[in-house]
C-alpha atoms as a PDB file:
ATOM      1  CA  MET A   1      22.823   8.206  29.783  1.00  0.00           C
ATOM      2  CA  ILE A   2      23.634   4.499  29.927  1.00  0.00           C
ATOM      3  CA  HIS A   3      19.939   3.597  29.778  1.00  0.00           C
ATOM      4  CA  THR A   4      19.410   5.751  26.677  1.00  0.00           C
ATOM      5  CA  SER A   5      22.323   4.246  24.761  1.00  0.00           C
ATOM      6  CA  ALA A   6      21.172   0.716  25.633  1.00  0.00           C
ATOM      7  CA  THR A   7      17.703   1.571  24.361  1.00  0.00           C
ATOM      8  CA  VAL A   8      19.106   3.014  21.140  1.00  0.00           C
ATOM      9  CA  ARG A   9      21.319  -0.062  20.678  1.00  0.00           C
ATOM     10  CA  ALA A  10      18.351  -2.417  21.255  1.00  0.00           C
ATOM     11  CA  PHE A  11      16.266  -0.411  18.781  1.00  0.00           C
ATOM     12  CA  GLY A  12      19.073  -0.617  16.214  1.00  0.00           C
ATOM     13  CA  GLN A  13      19.322  -4.380  16.661  1.00  0.00           C
ATOM     14  CA  LYS A  14      15.556  -4.779  16.197  1.00  0.00           C
ATOM     15  CA  CYS A  15      15.669  -2.637  13.052  1.00  0.00           C
ATOM     16  CA  CYS A  16      18.558  -4.697  11.697  1.00  0.00           C
ATOM     17  CA  GLN A  17      16.684  -7.957  12.379  1.00  0.00           C
ATOM     18  CA  ALA A  18      13.530  -6.582  10.729  1.00  0.00           C
ATOM     19  CA  TYR A  19      15.572  -5.600   7.676  1.00  0.00           C
ATOM     20  CA  ILE A  20      17.138  -9.072   7.445  1.00  0.00           C
ATOM     21  CA  THR A  21      13.697 -10.703   7.801  1.00  0.00           C
ATOM     22  CA  ALA A  22      12.268  -8.475   5.046  1.00  0.00           C
ATOM     23  CA  ILE A  23      15.159  -9.300   2.689  1.00  0.00           C
ATOM     24  CA  GLU A  24      14.693 -13.033   3.316  1.00  0.00           C
ATOM     25  CA  ALA A  25      10.955 -12.734   2.591  1.00  0.00           C
ATOM     26  CA  LEU A  26      11.667 -10.853  -0.641  1.00  0.00           C
ATOM     27  CA  ARG A  27      14.096 -13.556  -1.740  1.00  0.00           C
ATOM     28  CA  LYS A  28      11.391 -16.198  -1.238  1.00  0.00           C
ATOM     29  CA  PHE A  29       8.720 -14.132  -3.024  1.00  0.00           C
ATOM     30  CA  ASP A  30       7.689 -15.692  -6.334  1.00  0.00           C
ATOM     31  CA  LEU A  31       7.118 -12.685  -8.571  1.00  0.00           C
ATOM     32  CA  LYS A  32       6.175 -14.810 -11.579  1.00  0.00           C
ATOM     33  CA  ALA A  33       3.418 -16.659  -9.675  1.00  0.00           C
ATOM     34  CA  PHE A  34       2.188 -13.340  -8.286  1.00  0.00           C
ATOM     35  CA  ALA A  35       2.025 -11.827 -11.782  1.00  0.00           C
ATOM     36  CA  VAL A  36       0.116 -14.856 -13.105  1.00  0.00           C
ATOM     37  CA  THR A  37      -2.374 -14.559 -10.245  1.00  0.00           C
ATOM     38  CA  ILE A  38      -2.869 -10.850 -10.945  1.00  0.00           C
ATOM     39  CA  VAL A  39      -3.423 -11.461 -14.680  1.00  0.00           C
ATOM     40  CA  GLN A  40      -5.983 -14.184 -13.897  1.00  0.00           C
ATOM     41  CA  TRP A  41      -7.825 -11.887 -11.486  1.00  0.00           C
ATOM     42  CA  VAL A  42      -7.873  -9.060 -14.060  1.00  0.00           C
ATOM     43  CA  LYS A  43      -9.326 -11.431 -16.682  1.00  0.00           C
ATOM     44  CA  GLN A  44     -12.009 -12.594 -14.243  1.00  0.00           C
ATOM     45  CA  ASN A  45     -12.773  -9.065 -12.954  1.00  0.00           C
ATOM     46  CA  PRO A  46     -12.296  -6.603 -15.812  1.00  0.00           C
ATOM     47  CA  ARG A  47     -14.602  -3.933 -14.365  1.00  0.00           C
ATOM     48  CA  GLN A  48     -12.931  -3.910 -10.968  1.00  0.00           C
ATOM     49  CA  ALA A  49      -9.479  -3.924 -12.567  1.00  0.00           C
ATOM     50  CA  THR A  50     -10.435  -0.987 -14.781  1.00  0.00           C
ATOM     51  CA  PHE A  51     -11.820   0.899 -11.795  1.00  0.00           C
ATOM     52  CA  ILE A  52      -8.624   0.301  -9.806  1.00  0.00           C
ATOM     53  CA  MET A  53      -6.491   1.516 -12.713  1.00  0.00           C
ATOM     54  CA  VAL A  54      -8.657   4.627 -13.156  1.00  0.00           C
ATOM     55  CA  CYS A  55      -8.350   5.382  -9.422  1.00  0.00           C
ATOM     56  CA  PHE A  56      -4.590   4.968  -9.620  1.00  0.00           C
ATOM     57  CA  VAL A  57      -4.208   7.139 -12.726  1.00  0.00           C
ATOM     58  CA  VAL A  58      -6.471   9.897 -11.391  1.00  0.00           C
ATOM     59  CA  SER A  59      -4.632   9.887  -8.066  1.00  0.00           C
ATOM     60  CA  MET A  60      -1.250  10.167  -9.764  1.00  0.00           C
ATOM     61  CA  LEU A  61      -2.520  12.905 -12.098  1.00  0.00           C
ATOM     62  CA  LEU A  62      -3.814  14.793  -9.084  1.00  0.00           C
ATOM     63  CA  VAL A  63      -0.410  14.606  -7.402  1.00  0.00           C
ATOM     64  CA  ALA A  64       1.357  15.646 -10.605  1.00  0.00           C
ATOM     65  CA  THR A  65      -0.964  18.580 -11.263  1.00  0.00           C
ATOM     66  CA  MET A  66      -1.322  19.785  -7.656  1.00  0.00           C
ATOM     67  CA  PRO A  67       1.181  22.667  -8.095  1.00  0.00           C
ATOM     68  CA  LEU A  68      -0.671  23.729 -11.254  1.00  0.00           C
ATOM     69  CA  ILE A  69      -4.055  23.542  -9.529  1.00  0.00           C
ATOM     70  CA  LEU A  70      -2.783  25.537  -6.553  1.00  0.00           C
ATOM     71  CA  GLY A  71      -1.243  28.098  -8.910  1.00  0.00           C
ATOM     72  CA  VAL A  72      -4.432  28.514 -10.922  1.00  0.00           C
ATOM     73  CA  VAL A  73      -6.377  29.180  -7.716  1.00  0.00           C
ATOM     74  CA  GLY A  74      -3.687  31.668  -6.637  1.00  0.00           C
ATOM     75  CA  PHE A  75      -1.409  29.784  -4.239  1.00  0.00           C
ATOM     76  CA  THR A  76       1.930  30.313  -6.025  1.00  0.00           C
ATOM     77  CA  PRO A  77       5.569  29.671  -5.059  1.00  0.00           C
ATOM     78  CA  VAL A  78       6.002  33.392  -4.290  1.00  0.00           C
ATOM     79  CA  GLY A  79       2.781  33.805  -2.311  1.00  0.00           C
ATOM     80  CA  ILE A  80      -0.802  34.727  -3.098  1.00  0.00           C
ATOM     81  CA  ALA A  81      -1.202  35.982  -6.683  1.00  0.00           C
ATOM     82  CA  ALA A  82      -3.138  39.216  -7.108  1.00  0.00           C
ATOM     83  CA  GLY A  83      -6.547  39.003  -8.755  1.00  0.00           C
ATOM     84  CA  THR A  84      -7.048  35.288  -8.062  1.00  0.00           C
ATOM     85  CA  ILE A  85      -9.563  33.307  -6.049  1.00  0.00           C
ATOM     86  CA  ALA A  86      -7.002  32.986  -3.249  1.00  0.00           C
ATOM     87  CA  ALA A  87      -6.493  36.768  -3.208  1.00  0.00           C
ATOM     88  CA  GLY A  88     -10.250  37.293  -2.963  1.00  0.00           C
ATOM     89  CA  ILE A  89     -10.518  34.844  -0.077  1.00  0.00           C
ATOM     90  CA  GLN A  90      -7.587  36.463   1.692  1.00  0.00           C
ATOM     91  CA  ALA A  91      -9.145  39.906   1.287  1.00  0.00           C
ATOM     92  CA  SER A  92     -12.409  38.660   2.783  1.00  0.00           C
ATOM     93  CA  ILE A  93     -10.843  36.937   5.823  1.00  0.00           C
ATOM     94  CA  GLY A  94      -8.280  39.582   6.707  1.00  0.00           C
ATOM     95  CA  ASN A  95      -5.467  38.279   8.892  1.00  0.00           C
ATOM     96  CA  VAL A  96      -4.773  34.635   8.143  1.00  0.00           C
ATOM     97  CA  ALA A  97      -4.714  32.471  11.250  1.00  0.00           C
ATOM     98  CA  ALA A  98      -1.784  30.101  11.623  1.00  0.00           C
ATOM     99  CA  GLY A  99      -2.902  26.518  11.097  1.00  0.00           C
ATOM    100  CA  SER A 100      -5.954  27.506   9.052  1.00  0.00           C
ATOM    101  CA  LEU A 101      -6.804  25.862   5.731  1.00  0.00           C
ATOM    102  CA  PHE A 102      -5.783  29.055   3.941  1.00  0.00           C
ATOM    103  CA  ALA A 103      -2.381  29.043   5.675  1.00  0.00           C
ATOM    104  CA  PHE A 104      -1.986  25.358   4.830  1.00  0.00           C
ATOM    105  CA  LEU A 105      -2.726  25.923   1.136  1.00  0.00           C
ATOM    106  CA  THR A 106      -0.385  28.935   1.085  1.00  0.00           C
ATOM    107  CA  SER A 107       2.369  26.756   2.531  1.00  0.00           C
ATOM    108  CA  ALA A 108       1.662  24.011  -0.002  1.00  0.00           C
ATOM    109  CA  GLY A 109       1.681  26.491  -2.883  1.00  0.00           C
ATOM    110  CA  MET A 110       5.032  27.866  -1.738  1.00  0.00           C
ATOM    111  CA  GLY A 111       6.496  24.368  -1.432  1.00  0.00           C
ATOM    112  CA  GLY A 112       6.578  24.501   2.354  1.00  0.00           C
ATOM    113  CA  ALA A 113       5.867  21.849   4.945  1.00  0.00           C
ATOM    114  CA  ALA A 114       2.278  21.421   3.755  1.00  0.00           C
ATOM    115  CA  ALA A 115       3.297  20.404   0.210  1.00  0.00           C
ATOM    116  CA  PRO A 116       4.158  16.768   1.015  1.00  0.00           C
ATOM    117  CA  ILE A 117       1.103  16.472   3.246  1.00  0.00           C
ATOM    118  CA  LEU A 118      -1.102  17.706   0.413  1.00  0.00           C
ATOM    119  CA  GLY A 119       0.728  15.310  -1.924  1.00  0.00           C
ATOM    120  CA  VAL A 120      -0.465  12.425   0.253  1.00  0.00           C
ATOM    121  CA  PHE A 121      -3.899  13.819   1.085  1.00  0.00           C
ATOM    122  CA  ALA A 122      -4.908  14.658  -2.488  1.00  0.00           C
ATOM    123  CA  PRO A 123      -4.664  11.121  -3.920  1.00  0.00           C
ATOM    124  CA  ALA A 124      -6.161   9.648  -0.766  1.00  0.00           C
ATOM    125  CA  ALA A 125      -9.110  12.036  -1.005  1.00  0.00           C
ATOM    126  CA  SER A 126      -9.568  11.369  -4.716  1.00  0.00           C
ATOM    127  CA  ALA A 127      -9.466   7.628  -4.122  1.00  0.00           C
ATOM    128  CA  GLY A 128     -12.018   8.045  -1.344  1.00  0.00           C
ATOM    129  CA  VAL A 129     -14.324  10.073  -3.575  1.00  0.00           C
ATOM    130  CA  MET A 130     -14.003   7.510  -6.383  1.00  0.00           C
ATOM    131  CA  CYS A 131     -14.710   4.643  -3.986  1.00  0.00           C
ATOM    132  CA  LEU A 132     -17.781   6.493  -2.724  1.00  0.00           C
ATOM    133  CA  GLY A 133     -18.871   7.023  -6.326  1.00  0.00           C
ATOM    134  CA  LYS A 134     -18.390   3.330  -7.077  1.00  0.00           C
ATOM    135  CA  TRP A 135     -20.350   2.385  -3.967  1.00  0.00           C
ATOM    136  CA  LEU A 136     -23.219   4.690  -4.985  1.00  0.00           C
ATOM    137  CA  TYR A 137     -23.131   3.330  -8.543  1.00  0.00           C
ATOM    138  CA  ASP A 138     -23.324  -0.250  -7.253  1.00  0.00           C
ATOM    139  CA  LEU A 139     -26.125   0.684  -4.846  1.00  0.00           C
ATOM    140  CA  VAL A 140     -28.228   2.285  -7.600  1.00  0.00           C
ATOM    141  CA  LYS A 141     -27.441  -0.509 -10.067  1.00  0.00           C
ATOM    142  CA  ASN A 142     -28.497  -3.162  -7.537  1.00  0.00           C
ATOM    143  CA  LYS A 143     -31.758  -1.327  -6.835  1.00  0.00           C
ATOM    144  CA  ILE A 144     -32.470  -1.080 -10.571  1.00  0.00           C
ATOM    145  CA  ASP A 145     -31.653  -4.778 -11.055  1.00  0.00           C
ATOM    146  CA  GLU A 146     -33.924  -5.726  -8.132  1.00  0.00           C
ATOM    147  CA  HIS A 147     -36.728  -3.600  -9.593  1.00  0.00           C
ATOM    148  CA  LYS A 148     -36.340  -5.243 -13.037  1.00  0.00           C
ATOM    149  CA  LYS A 149     -36.352  -8.682 -11.442  1.00  0.00           C
ATOM    150  CA  ARG A 150     -39.576  -7.922  -9.530  1.00  0.00           C
ATOM    151  CA  GLN A 151     -41.205  -6.613 -12.714  1.00  0.00           C
ATOM    152  CA  GLU A 152     -40.236  -9.781 -14.568  1.00  0.00           C
ATOM    153  CA  GLU A 153     -41.606 -11.939 -11.732  1.00  0.00           C
ATOM    154  CA  MET A 154     -44.870  -9.979 -11.724  1.00  0.00           C
ATOM    155  CA  ALA A 155     -45.162 -10.333 -15.508  1.00  0.00           C
ATOM    156  CA  LEU A 156     -44.652 -14.095 -15.189  1.00  0.00           C
ATOM    157  CA  MET A 157     -47.298 -14.307 -12.450  1.00  0.00           C
ATOM    158  CA  LYS A 158     -49.815 -12.424 -14.628  1.00  0.00           C
ATOM    159  CA  ARG A 159     -49.237 -14.876 -17.489  1.00  0.00           C
ATOM    160  CA  GLY A 160     -49.528 -17.899 -15.232  1.00  0.00           C
END
């Protein structure tokens, strides 16, 4: 018992010191200089800034509309709604296994333990999909640019 209380006390002291350190760092933080730096970066990188804002907005919209999306599919606060996609899936799988995706979505729809997890997963997944889309866009754009450059070089060589 003595060992446990000493451990808890030491943990509390470390937490207190970390809190004090964080407060001191925040007091030294120059918000105005940070804002100026951000504005400069946005002016220099308008496409990237726009992409970041779109990712943020879509992620927040996804979190805000998650209950609506779940409800439309059939995962409602009172259970699976009759005549919905979720009801059709449930009818086809029979007994729902604990821990399955269906059970998880049912829990999220009913506001259970899965709801906050889905609230974190949904924006993370949407951000991941958007980043993958951006990567693919850049990959295709670079290939097209390289192709155009080679065509221009070949045209110059033919003239010369």
